[in-house]
Amino acid sequence: MVDGLDKLDAHIGATALHLRCYNLLHRRWLEWSGGYQVAIEDTTLRGTKIHAAIAGKDLSEPPKEQDAILHFFLKPRGKANEVVFKPGQIELALVIGEMDYKLALEKREEAYEQTEDGVALHSKVCKLNLGP
């Protein structure tokens, strides 16, 4: 879990939100995976409680260009169940495919050495070509 997108506009579009989440996680992903690249086009942005796609690869319709997550913050209040905006936090997930995950694990194994207690240490590899 990563904290980091504070004070978002409640009317943000799905494409802009997807890009913000991708950019927030991209550097950490590259470090963890040993440099395995996953393009934004190969990811899906989802809520963690409501698993429907918000943006990305698995979205079956065009992304909402505004109010992509506003419904998470509209809550019924009072006896008349009037819908009001209530600020808060939501959890979003940037999802990759199973094949990308497997390939990232392979790349990670190449880039890192495991210690006996399971800690991943960056492997410093220098390849030399000797001979003619």
N, C-alpha and C. Protein backbone atom coordinates (compact mmCIF):
# COMPACT_ATOMS: atom_id res chain seq x y z
N MET A 1 0.85 -1.16 0.00
CA MET A 1 0.00 0.00 0.00
C MET A 1 0.90 1.23 0.00
N VAL A 2 0.50 2.22 -0.78
CA VAL A 2 1.27 3.45 -0.92
C VAL A 2 0.34 4.63 -0.66
N ASP A 3 0.76 5.51 0.22
CA ASP A 3 0.04 6.76 0.40
C ASP A 3 0.56 7.74 -0.62
N GLY A 4 -0.26 8.73 -0.98
CA GLY A 4 0.36 9.70 -1.83
C GLY A 4 -0.48 10.60 -2.68
N LEU A 5 -1.70 10.31 -2.97
CA LEU A 5 -2.50 11.22 -3.80
C LEU A 5 -3.45 12.00 -2.90
N ASP A 6 -2.95 13.10 -2.40
CA ASP A 6 -3.75 13.95 -1.52
C ASP A 6 -4.43 15.05 -2.32
N LYS A 7 -5.54 15.50 -1.81
CA LYS A 7 -6.25 16.67 -2.34
C LYS A 7 -6.56 16.55 -3.82
N LEU A 8 -7.05 15.40 -4.22
CA LEU A 8 -7.49 15.23 -5.61
C LEU A 8 -8.77 15.99 -5.84
N ASP A 9 -8.95 16.48 -7.03
CA ASP A 9 -10.20 17.10 -7.43
C ASP A 9 -11.26 16.00 -7.50
N ALA A 10 -12.37 16.21 -6.85
CA ALA A 10 -13.44 15.21 -6.85
C ALA A 10 -13.98 14.94 -8.25
N HIS A 11 -13.72 15.83 -9.16
CA HIS A 11 -14.22 15.69 -10.54
C HIS A 11 -13.16 15.17 -11.50
N ILE A 12 -12.06 14.61 -11.00
CA ILE A 12 -10.98 14.12 -11.85
C ILE A 12 -11.49 13.04 -12.80
N GLY A 13 -10.95 13.04 -14.00
CA GLY A 13 -11.31 12.03 -14.98
C GLY A 13 -10.53 10.75 -14.78
N ALA A 14 -11.05 9.67 -15.33
CA ALA A 14 -10.44 8.35 -15.15
C ALA A 14 -9.04 8.27 -15.75
N THR A 15 -8.85 8.84 -16.93
CA THR A 15 -7.54 8.78 -17.58
C THR A 15 -6.50 9.54 -16.77
N ALA A 16 -6.86 10.72 -16.28
CA ALA A 16 -5.93 11.51 -15.46
C ALA A 16 -5.61 10.81 -14.15
N LEU A 17 -6.59 10.21 -13.52
CA LEU A 17 -6.37 9.49 -12.27
C LEU A 17 -5.50 8.26 -12.49
N HIS A 18 -5.76 7.54 -13.56
CA HIS A 18 -4.95 6.36 -13.91
C HIS A 18 -3.49 6.77 -14.07
N LEU A 19 -3.25 7.85 -14.80
CA LEU A 19 -1.88 8.34 -15.02
C LEU A 19 -1.22 8.75 -13.72
N ARG A 20 -1.96 9.45 -12.85
CA ARG A 20 -1.39 9.87 -11.56
C ARG A 20 -1.00 8.66 -10.71
N CYS A 21 -1.86 7.65 -10.66
CA CYS A 21 -1.55 6.44 -9.89
C CYS A 21 -0.37 5.69 -10.48
N TYR A 22 -0.36 5.56 -11.79
CA TYR A 22 0.73 4.87 -12.48
C TYR A 22 2.07 5.57 -12.20
N ASN A 23 2.09 6.89 -12.33
CA ASN A 23 3.32 7.64 -12.09
C ASN A 23 3.78 7.53 -10.64
N LEU A 24 2.84 7.50 -9.72
CA LEU A 24 3.17 7.37 -8.30
C LEU A 24 3.85 6.04 -8.01
N LEU A 25 3.39 4.98 -8.65
CA LEU A 25 3.89 3.63 -8.37
C LEU A 25 5.04 3.18 -9.27
N HIS A 26 5.23 3.83 -10.39
CA HIS A 26 6.15 3.34 -11.42
C HIS A 26 7.59 3.16 -10.92
N ARG A 27 8.15 4.17 -10.26
CA ARG A 27 9.52 4.08 -9.78
C ARG A 27 9.69 2.94 -8.77
N ARG A 28 8.75 2.83 -7.85
CA ARG A 28 8.81 1.74 -6.85
C ARG A 28 8.69 0.38 -7.52
N TRP A 29 7.84 0.28 -8.52
CA TRP A 29 7.69 -0.98 -9.25
C TRP A 29 9.00 -1.37 -9.93
N LEU A 30 9.63 -0.40 -10.60
CA LEU A 30 10.89 -0.68 -11.28
C LEU A 30 11.96 -1.15 -10.30
N GLU A 31 12.02 -0.53 -9.15
CA GLU A 31 12.98 -0.94 -8.13
C GLU A 31 12.68 -2.36 -7.65
N TRP A 32 11.42 -2.63 -7.34
CA TRP A 32 11.03 -3.95 -6.82
C TRP A 32 11.27 -5.05 -7.86
N SER A 33 10.90 -4.77 -9.10
CA SER A 33 10.92 -5.80 -10.14
C SER A 33 12.29 -5.99 -10.78
N GLY A 34 13.25 -5.18 -10.42
CA GLY A 34 14.55 -5.28 -11.06
C GLY A 34 14.58 -4.64 -12.43
N GLY A 35 13.64 -3.74 -12.69
CA GLY A 35 13.62 -3.00 -13.94
C GLY A 35 12.63 -3.48 -14.98
N TYR A 36 11.73 -4.39 -14.61
CA TYR A 36 10.74 -4.88 -15.57
C TYR A 36 9.70 -3.80 -15.84
N GLN A 37 9.54 -3.44 -17.10
CA GLN A 37 8.61 -2.38 -17.52
C GLN A 37 7.22 -2.95 -17.80
N VAL A 38 6.21 -2.28 -17.27
CA VAL A 38 4.82 -2.55 -17.64
C VAL A 38 4.24 -1.22 -18.10
N ALA A 39 3.82 -1.16 -19.35
CA ALA A 39 3.26 0.08 -19.90
C ALA A 39 1.91 0.38 -19.26
N ILE A 40 1.58 1.65 -19.16
CA ILE A 40 0.31 2.05 -18.57
C ILE A 40 -0.86 1.41 -19.31
N GLU A 41 -0.71 1.19 -20.61
CA GLU A 41 -1.76 0.58 -21.42
C GLU A 41 -2.04 -0.88 -21.01
N ASP A 42 -1.09 -1.48 -20.30
CA ASP A 42 -1.24 -2.87 -19.87
C ASP A 42 -1.66 -2.98 -18.41
N THR A 43 -2.15 -1.88 -17.85
CA THR A 43 -2.62 -1.88 -16.46
C THR A 43 -4.09 -1.48 -16.40
N THR A 44 -4.71 -1.79 -15.27
CA THR A 44 -6.10 -1.40 -15.03
C THR A 44 -6.18 -0.75 -13.66
N LEU A 45 -6.86 0.38 -13.57
CA LEU A 45 -7.10 1.03 -12.29
C LEU A 45 -8.45 0.58 -11.78
N ARG A 46 -8.47 0.08 -10.54
CA ARG A 46 -9.70 -0.42 -9.91
C ARG A 46 -9.79 0.10 -8.48
N GLY A 47 -10.99 0.11 -7.95
CA GLY A 47 -11.17 0.32 -6.52
C GLY A 47 -10.90 -1.01 -5.83
N THR A 48 -10.50 -0.97 -4.57
CA THR A 48 -10.23 -2.23 -3.86
C THR A 48 -11.50 -2.82 -3.25
N LYS A 49 -12.51 -2.00 -3.00
CA LYS A 49 -13.77 -2.52 -2.44
C LYS A 49 -14.79 -2.79 -3.53
N ILE A 50 -14.89 -1.88 -4.47
CA ILE A 50 -15.73 -2.08 -5.65
C ILE A 50 -14.75 -2.35 -6.78
N HIS A 51 -14.69 -3.60 -7.25
CA HIS A 51 -13.62 -4.04 -8.14
C HIS A 51 -13.81 -3.67 -9.61
N ALA A 52 -14.84 -2.93 -9.94
CA ALA A 52 -15.05 -2.55 -11.33
C ALA A 52 -13.91 -1.67 -11.82
N ALA A 53 -13.52 -1.87 -13.06
CA ALA A 53 -12.44 -1.08 -13.64
C ALA A 53 -12.85 0.39 -13.74
N ILE A 54 -11.95 1.27 -13.36
CA ILE A 54 -12.16 2.72 -13.48
C ILE A 54 -11.54 3.21 -14.78
N ALA A 55 -10.37 2.65 -15.10
CA ALA A 55 -9.64 3.04 -16.32
C ALA A 55 -8.68 1.93 -16.68
N GLY A 56 -8.24 1.93 -17.94
CA GLY A 56 -7.19 1.02 -18.35
C GLY A 56 -7.66 -0.16 -19.18
N LYS A 57 -6.80 -1.15 -19.22
CA LYS A 57 -6.93 -2.29 -20.13
C LYS A 57 -8.25 -3.05 -20.02
N ASP A 58 -8.73 -3.26 -18.82
CA ASP A 58 -9.93 -4.09 -18.63
C ASP A 58 -11.24 -3.30 -18.64
N LEU A 59 -11.17 -2.00 -18.91
CA LEU A 59 -12.38 -1.20 -18.96
C LEU A 59 -13.13 -1.51 -20.25
N SER A 60 -14.39 -1.84 -20.15
CA SER A 60 -15.16 -2.28 -21.32
C SER A 60 -15.85 -1.13 -22.05
N GLU A 61 -15.75 0.07 -21.53
CA GLU A 61 -16.37 1.23 -22.16
C GLU A 61 -15.38 2.39 -22.10
N PRO A 62 -15.62 3.47 -22.81
CA PRO A 62 -14.68 4.61 -22.71
C PRO A 62 -14.61 5.12 -21.27
N PRO A 63 -13.42 5.55 -20.84
CA PRO A 63 -13.29 6.05 -19.46
C PRO A 63 -14.04 7.36 -19.26
N LYS A 64 -14.54 7.57 -18.05
CA LYS A 64 -15.19 8.84 -17.71
C LYS A 64 -14.14 9.93 -17.69
N GLU A 65 -14.38 10.99 -18.39
CA GLU A 65 -13.41 12.08 -18.44
C GLU A 65 -13.62 13.10 -17.35
N GLN A 66 -14.61 12.87 -16.51
CA GLN A 66 -14.78 13.63 -15.27
C GLN A 66 -15.61 12.80 -14.31
N ASP A 67 -15.50 13.10 -13.05
CA ASP A 67 -16.27 12.42 -11.99
C ASP A 67 -16.03 10.91 -11.95
N ALA A 68 -14.82 10.47 -12.23
CA ALA A 68 -14.53 9.04 -12.28
C ALA A 68 -14.68 8.34 -10.94
N ILE A 69 -14.43 9.06 -9.85
CA ILE A 69 -14.52 8.45 -8.52
C ILE A 69 -15.49 9.19 -7.59
N LEU A 70 -16.20 10.16 -8.12
CA LEU A 70 -17.10 10.96 -7.30
C LEU A 70 -18.11 10.10 -6.55
N HIS A 71 -18.59 9.03 -7.18
CA HIS A 71 -19.61 8.18 -6.55
C HIS A 71 -19.12 7.55 -5.24
N PHE A 72 -17.81 7.42 -5.05
CA PHE A 72 -17.28 6.88 -3.80
C PHE A 72 -17.53 7.83 -2.63
N PHE A 73 -17.76 9.10 -2.92
CA PHE A 73 -17.87 10.13 -1.89
C PHE A 73 -19.30 10.66 -1.72
N LEU A 74 -20.25 10.13 -2.46
CA LEU A 74 -21.64 10.55 -2.32
C LEU A 74 -22.34 9.58 -1.40
N LYS A 75 -22.82 10.10 -0.27
CA LYS A 75 -23.40 9.26 0.78
C LYS A 75 -24.81 9.74 1.12
N PRO A 76 -25.73 8.79 1.35
CA PRO A 76 -27.07 9.19 1.80
C PRO A 76 -27.01 9.65 3.27
N ARG A 77 -27.70 10.74 3.58
CA ARG A 77 -27.71 11.29 4.93
C ARG A 77 -29.13 11.71 5.30
N GLY A 78 -29.40 11.65 6.58
CA GLY A 78 -30.67 12.13 7.11
C GLY A 78 -31.82 11.18 6.85
N LYS A 79 -32.98 11.57 7.34
CA LYS A 79 -34.18 10.75 7.22
C LYS A 79 -34.63 10.60 5.77
N ALA A 80 -34.39 11.62 4.97
CA ALA A 80 -34.82 11.59 3.57
C ALA A 80 -33.77 10.92 2.68
N ASN A 81 -32.67 10.44 3.27
CA ASN A 81 -31.56 9.83 2.52
C ASN A 81 -31.08 10.73 1.38
N GLU A 82 -31.00 12.04 1.68
CA GLU A 82 -30.49 12.98 0.71
C GLU A 82 -29.01 12.66 0.46
N VAL A 83 -28.61 12.62 -0.80
CA VAL A 83 -27.23 12.29 -1.16
C VAL A 83 -26.38 13.55 -1.03
N VAL A 84 -25.31 13.45 -0.23
CA VAL A 84 -24.40 14.57 -0.02
C VAL A 84 -22.97 14.11 -0.25
N PHE A 85 -22.11 15.08 -0.58
CA PHE A 85 -20.68 14.81 -0.76
C PHE A 85 -20.02 14.76 0.61
N LYS A 86 -19.27 13.69 0.86
CA LYS A 86 -18.54 13.55 2.11
C LYS A 86 -17.09 13.22 1.78
N PRO A 87 -16.16 14.15 2.04
CA PRO A 87 -14.75 13.89 1.74
C PRO A 87 -14.25 12.69 2.53
N GLY A 88 -13.26 12.01 2.00
CA GLY A 88 -12.69 10.86 2.68
C GLY A 88 -11.57 10.26 1.87
N GLN A 89 -11.23 9.04 2.18
CA GLN A 89 -10.18 8.32 1.48
C GLN A 89 -10.76 7.08 0.82
N ILE A 90 -10.19 6.72 -0.31
CA ILE A 90 -10.52 5.45 -0.94
C ILE A 90 -9.21 4.75 -1.29
N GLU A 91 -9.28 3.46 -1.43
CA GLU A 91 -8.13 2.68 -1.86
C GLU A 91 -8.33 2.27 -3.30
N LEU A 92 -7.29 2.51 -4.10
CA LEU A 92 -7.30 2.13 -5.50
C LEU A 92 -6.16 1.15 -5.74
N ALA A 93 -6.33 0.31 -6.73
CA ALA A 93 -5.30 -0.67 -7.08
C ALA A 93 -4.97 -0.52 -8.55
N LEU A 94 -3.69 -0.57 -8.86
CA LEU A 94 -3.22 -0.60 -10.24
C LEU A 94 -2.89 -2.06 -10.53
N VAL A 95 -3.67 -2.67 -11.39
CA VAL A 95 -3.61 -4.11 -11.60
C VAL A 95 -2.85 -4.43 -12.89
N ILE A 96 -1.98 -5.44 -12.81
CA ILE A 96 -1.27 -5.92 -14.00
C ILE A 96 -1.71 -7.35 -14.26
N GLY A 97 -1.42 -7.84 -15.46
CA GLY A 97 -1.77 -9.20 -15.82
C GLY A 97 -0.84 -10.22 -15.17
N GLU A 98 -1.32 -11.44 -15.12
CA GLU A 98 -0.55 -12.52 -14.50
C GLU A 98 0.78 -12.76 -15.22
N MET A 99 0.79 -12.68 -16.54
CA MET A 99 2.02 -12.91 -17.29
C MET A 99 3.05 -11.83 -16.97
N ASP A 100 2.63 -10.56 -16.91
CA ASP A 100 3.55 -9.50 -16.53
C ASP A 100 4.11 -9.74 -15.13
N TYR A 101 3.28 -10.19 -14.23
CA TYR A 101 3.76 -10.45 -12.86
C TYR A 101 4.80 -11.57 -12.86
N LYS A 102 4.55 -12.65 -13.60
CA LYS A 102 5.51 -13.75 -13.67
C LYS A 102 6.82 -13.31 -14.29
N LEU A 103 6.74 -12.52 -15.37
CA LEU A 103 7.95 -12.02 -16.01
C LEU A 103 8.72 -11.06 -15.09
N ALA A 104 7.99 -10.28 -14.31
CA ALA A 104 8.64 -9.38 -13.35
C ALA A 104 9.36 -10.17 -12.28
N LEU A 105 8.76 -11.26 -11.82
CA LEU A 105 9.43 -12.10 -10.82
C LEU A 105 10.73 -12.69 -11.38
N GLU A 106 10.69 -13.12 -12.64
CA GLU A 106 11.91 -13.64 -13.27
C GLU A 106 12.98 -12.55 -13.36
N LYS A 107 12.59 -11.36 -13.78
CA LYS A 107 13.53 -10.24 -13.88
C LYS A 107 14.09 -9.89 -12.51
N ARG A 108 13.23 -9.96 -11.50
CA ARG A 108 13.65 -9.68 -10.12
C ARG A 108 14.70 -10.69 -9.66
N GLU A 109 14.49 -11.96 -9.97
CA GLU A 109 15.45 -13.00 -9.59
C GLU A 109 16.80 -12.76 -10.26
N GLU A 110 16.78 -12.28 -11.51
CA GLU A 110 18.03 -11.98 -12.21
C GLU A 110 18.75 -10.78 -11.60
N ALA A 111 17.98 -9.80 -11.13
CA ALA A 111 18.56 -8.54 -10.66
C ALA A 111 18.97 -8.57 -9.18
N TYR A 112 18.37 -9.46 -8.41
CA TYR A 112 18.61 -9.47 -6.97
C TYR A 112 19.08 -10.84 -6.50
N GLU A 113 19.92 -10.83 -5.49
CA GLU A 113 20.32 -12.06 -4.82
C GLU A 113 19.52 -12.17 -3.54
N GLN A 114 19.10 -13.36 -3.17
CA GLN A 114 18.38 -13.58 -1.92
C GLN A 114 19.35 -14.02 -0.83
N THR A 115 19.29 -13.38 0.32
CA THR A 115 20.09 -13.83 1.45
C THR A 115 19.37 -15.01 2.09
N GLU A 116 20.01 -15.64 3.05
CA GLU A 116 19.41 -16.81 3.71
C GLU A 116 18.09 -16.48 4.40
N ASP A 117 17.95 -15.25 4.88
CA ASP A 117 16.71 -14.86 5.56
C ASP A 117 15.68 -14.22 4.62
N GLY A 118 15.91 -14.33 3.30
CA GLY A 118 14.92 -13.89 2.31
C GLY A 118 15.00 -12.43 1.91
N VAL A 119 16.03 -11.72 2.34
CA VAL A 119 16.18 -10.32 1.97
C VAL A 119 16.78 -10.24 0.57
N ALA A 120 16.20 -9.39 -0.27
CA ALA A 120 16.69 -9.23 -1.65
C ALA A 120 17.77 -8.16 -1.69
N LEU A 121 18.94 -8.54 -2.13
CA LEU A 121 20.05 -7.59 -2.30
C LEU A 121 20.30 -7.39 -3.78
N HIS A 122 20.50 -6.14 -4.17
CA HIS A 122 20.75 -5.86 -5.58
C HIS A 122 22.05 -6.52 -6.00
N SER A 123 22.00 -7.28 -7.04
CA SER A 123 23.16 -8.00 -7.53
C SER A 123 23.96 -7.09 -8.45
N LYS A 124 25.21 -6.88 -8.13
CA LYS A 124 26.09 -6.08 -8.98
C LYS A 124 26.79 -7.04 -9.93
N VAL A 125 26.34 -7.06 -11.18
CA VAL A 125 26.88 -7.99 -12.16
C VAL A 125 27.67 -7.22 -13.19
N CYS A 126 28.83 -7.69 -13.45
CA CYS A 126 29.67 -7.10 -14.49
C CYS A 126 30.03 -8.22 -15.46
N LYS A 127 29.61 -8.11 -16.69
CA LYS A 127 29.91 -9.13 -17.68
C LYS A 127 31.12 -8.71 -18.49
N LEU A 128 32.09 -9.58 -18.57
CA LEU A 128 33.29 -9.32 -19.34
C LEU A 128 33.41 -10.29 -20.48
N ASN A 129 33.76 -9.79 -21.62
CA ASN A 129 34.05 -10.63 -22.78
C ASN A 129 35.56 -10.72 -22.91
N LEU A 130 36.09 -11.92 -22.74
CA LEU A 130 37.53 -12.12 -22.87
C LEU A 130 37.83 -12.84 -24.16
N GLY A 131 38.95 -12.55 -24.70
CA GLY A 131 39.34 -13.25 -25.93
C GLY A 131 39.14 -12.39 -27.15
N PRO A 132 39.32 -13.03 -28.30
CA PRO A 132 39.25 -12.28 -29.56
C PRO A 132 37.90 -11.75 -29.89
